[in-house]
Amino acid sequence: MNDSALSRTFEPYDGYGKVFYFNIGPADSGGELAPWDSDAFAEQLRRDVEAVLSLTFDVSRGVVDPTGGYTYWYESDERSVSLQVSDPEEGDPFPFGKVPALLIIRSRSEEVATWELAAGLYRDLCSLGTYFILAETKHGDLVTANFDVGDDW
């Protein structure tokens, strides 16, 4: 998806909530479902998000949580980013069992709208080719996904 199409996809949802949720999981490898390893996935996704957004998560708070997952935070005057990675739960409805990590992003800047930050993050993470990504609004409206999520959204 080019930048113009991404703008048309994300911008209409910026008016309410001003928060985007990215559900992320490992992309299929050669047509096979990628093996799940929460420790390795959390570490790789954390590093990729840090590189894409040019930030460093607060690692002192990025510790294993009681559910066996990981939570990372970043707060500044310009943006707020949180990343939660946990094992998919048995019985998670499609497509959420496929994308168990949750990345929440919000701009605090007057120069960069949240939709612009979210569109750039989506574009850059998709370009890595290693993740399935489903973007939704705070209210559960599907913004876009780089895999087929079906018609029952």
Protein backbone atom coordinates (compact mmCIF):
# COMPACT_ATOMS: atom_id res chain seq x y z
CA MET A 1 0.00 0.00 0.00
CA ASN A 2 1.49 3.36 -0.99
CA ASP A 3 1.66 6.37 1.31
CA SER A 4 -1.35 8.04 -0.30
CA ALA A 5 -3.51 4.96 0.17
CA LEU A 6 -2.29 4.63 3.77
CA SER A 7 -3.27 8.24 4.42
CA ARG A 8 -6.78 7.58 3.07
CA THR A 9 -6.97 4.43 5.20
CA PHE A 10 -5.84 5.83 8.57
CA GLU A 11 -6.81 9.52 8.49
CA PRO A 12 -10.61 9.06 8.70
CA TYR A 13 -10.23 7.25 12.04
CA ASP A 14 -8.17 9.96 13.71
CA GLY A 15 -11.16 12.03 14.81
CA TYR A 16 -12.25 9.93 17.75
CA GLY A 17 -10.12 8.15 20.30
CA LYS A 18 -6.92 9.20 18.57
CA VAL A 19 -5.39 5.84 19.48
CA PHE A 20 -4.58 2.97 17.13
CA TYR A 21 -4.26 -0.66 18.14
CA PHE A 22 -1.99 -2.98 16.17
CA ASN A 23 -2.52 -6.71 16.66
CA ILE A 24 0.69 -8.40 15.52
CA GLY A 25 1.85 -11.97 14.99
CA PRO A 26 4.53 -13.85 13.07
CA ALA A 27 3.89 -14.17 9.34
CA ASP A 28 3.60 -17.58 7.75
CA SER A 29 6.86 -19.11 6.68
CA GLY A 30 6.69 -20.81 3.29
CA GLY A 31 2.94 -21.35 3.60
CA GLU A 32 3.29 -22.94 7.04
CA LEU A 33 2.21 -21.27 10.26
CA ALA A 34 5.32 -19.82 11.88
CA PRO A 35 6.29 -21.62 15.10
CA TRP A 36 5.39 -19.65 18.23
CA ASP A 37 8.08 -18.71 20.74
CA SER A 38 6.87 -15.84 22.92
CA ASP A 39 10.34 -14.98 24.27
CA ALA A 40 11.96 -14.74 20.83
CA PHE A 41 8.93 -13.03 19.28
CA ALA A 42 8.73 -10.42 22.06
CA GLU A 43 12.43 -9.64 21.74
CA GLN A 44 12.38 -9.36 17.92
CA LEU A 45 9.19 -7.29 17.81
CA ARG A 46 10.48 -4.99 20.54
CA ARG A 47 13.72 -4.41 18.62
CA ASP A 48 11.88 -3.83 15.32
CA VAL A 49 9.43 -1.34 16.86
CA GLU A 50 12.30 0.50 18.55
CA ALA A 51 14.14 0.73 15.21
CA VAL A 52 11.08 1.81 13.20
CA LEU A 53 10.04 4.47 15.71
CA SER A 54 13.60 5.49 16.74
CA LEU A 55 12.91 4.98 20.43
CA THR A 56 14.02 2.80 23.30
CA PHE A 57 11.37 1.15 25.43
CA ASP A 58 11.62 1.46 29.18
CA VAL A 59 13.26 -1.91 29.79
CA SER A 60 12.99 -1.62 33.52
CA ARG A 61 9.25 -2.08 33.03
CA GLY A 62 9.64 -4.58 30.18
CA VAL A 63 9.69 -7.59 32.46
CA VAL A 64 7.86 -10.87 32.30
CA ASP A 65 4.33 -10.30 33.61
CA PRO A 66 2.32 -12.81 35.69
CA THR A 67 0.60 -14.21 32.60
CA GLY A 68 3.93 -15.17 31.06
CA GLY A 69 3.89 -12.29 28.58
CA TYR A 70 5.93 -9.14 28.17
CA THR A 71 4.95 -5.49 28.50
CA TYR A 72 7.05 -2.55 27.28
CA TRP A 73 6.34 1.19 27.59
CA TYR A 74 7.60 4.37 26.00
CA GLU A 75 6.36 7.83 26.97
CA SER A 76 7.56 11.21 25.75
CA ASP A 77 6.16 14.64 24.96
CA GLU A 78 5.74 13.50 21.32
CA ARG A 79 4.16 10.04 21.67
CA SER A 80 3.02 7.18 23.82
CA VAL A 81 3.69 3.57 22.82
CA SER A 82 2.98 0.34 24.65
CA LEU A 83 3.68 -3.21 23.52
CA GLN A 84 2.24 -6.35 25.09
CA VAL A 85 3.25 -9.81 23.94
CA SER A 86 1.65 -12.91 25.39
CA ASP A 87 0.89 -16.42 24.22
CA PRO A 88 -2.21 -16.80 22.08
CA GLU A 89 -5.06 -18.15 24.16
CA GLU A 90 -6.77 -21.33 23.11
CA GLY A 91 -10.13 -20.47 21.64
CA ASP A 92 -9.15 -16.94 20.57
CA PRO A 93 -11.47 -16.09 17.67
CA PHE A 94 -9.96 -15.69 14.23
CA PRO A 95 -8.02 -13.55 13.46
CA PHE A 96 -6.87 -12.66 16.99
CA GLY A 97 -5.29 -16.04 17.70
CA LYS A 98 -3.00 -15.32 14.77
CA VAL A 99 -1.90 -11.88 16.06
CA PRO A 100 -1.44 -12.16 19.85
CA ALA A 101 0.77 -9.09 20.40
CA LEU A 102 -0.84 -5.71 21.01
CA LEU A 103 0.89 -2.43 20.16
CA ILE A 104 -0.91 0.79 21.09
CA ILE A 105 0.29 4.10 19.70
CA ARG A 106 -0.77 7.71 20.24
CA SER A 107 0.80 10.98 19.18
CA ARG A 108 1.11 13.75 21.75
CA SER A 109 2.64 16.15 19.25
CA GLU A 110 0.83 19.08 17.69
CA GLU A 111 2.94 18.61 14.54
CA VAL A 112 2.26 14.90 13.89
CA ALA A 113 -1.25 13.47 14.08
CA THR A 114 -1.79 10.03 15.56
CA TRP A 115 -3.00 8.71 12.20
CA GLU A 116 0.27 9.83 10.56
CA LEU A 117 2.33 8.08 13.22
CA ALA A 118 0.18 4.94 12.94
CA ALA A 119 0.27 4.88 9.12
CA GLY A 120 4.06 5.17 9.09
CA LEU A 121 4.43 2.44 11.71
CA TYR A 122 2.09 0.14 9.78
CA ARG A 123 3.96 0.77 6.51
CA ASP A 124 7.39 0.19 8.03
CA LEU A 125 6.47 -2.94 9.98
CA CYS A 126 4.71 -4.42 6.93
CA SER A 127 7.79 -3.72 4.81
CA LEU A 128 9.81 -6.08 7.03
CA GLY A 129 7.70 -8.97 5.71
CA THR A 130 7.90 -10.86 9.00
CA TYR A 131 4.62 -9.89 10.66
CA PHE A 132 0.90 -10.23 10.22
CA ILE A 133 -0.58 -6.90 11.30
CA LEU A 134 -4.18 -5.95 11.92
CA ALA A 135 -4.78 -2.26 12.68
CA GLU A 136 -7.95 -1.21 14.48
CA THR A 137 -9.32 1.79 16.32
CA LYS A 138 -9.85 2.08 20.03
CA HIS A 139 -13.51 1.28 19.34
CA GLY A 140 -12.79 -1.94 17.42
CA ASP A 141 -13.21 -0.61 13.87
CA LEU A 142 -10.97 -2.41 11.38
CA VAL A 143 -8.60 0.07 9.75
CA THR A 144 -6.54 -2.36 7.66
CA ALA A 145 -4.68 -5.68 7.77
CA ASN A 146 -1.92 -7.20 5.69
CA PHE A 147 -3.68 -10.60 5.69
CA ASP A 148 -7.23 -11.79 5.01
CA VAL A 149 -9.37 -11.24 8.12
CA GLY A 150 -12.61 -12.33 6.49
CA ASP A 151 -15.88 -10.50 5.96
CA ASP A 152 -17.37 -10.78 9.45
CA TRP A 153 -15.52 -7.89 10.99
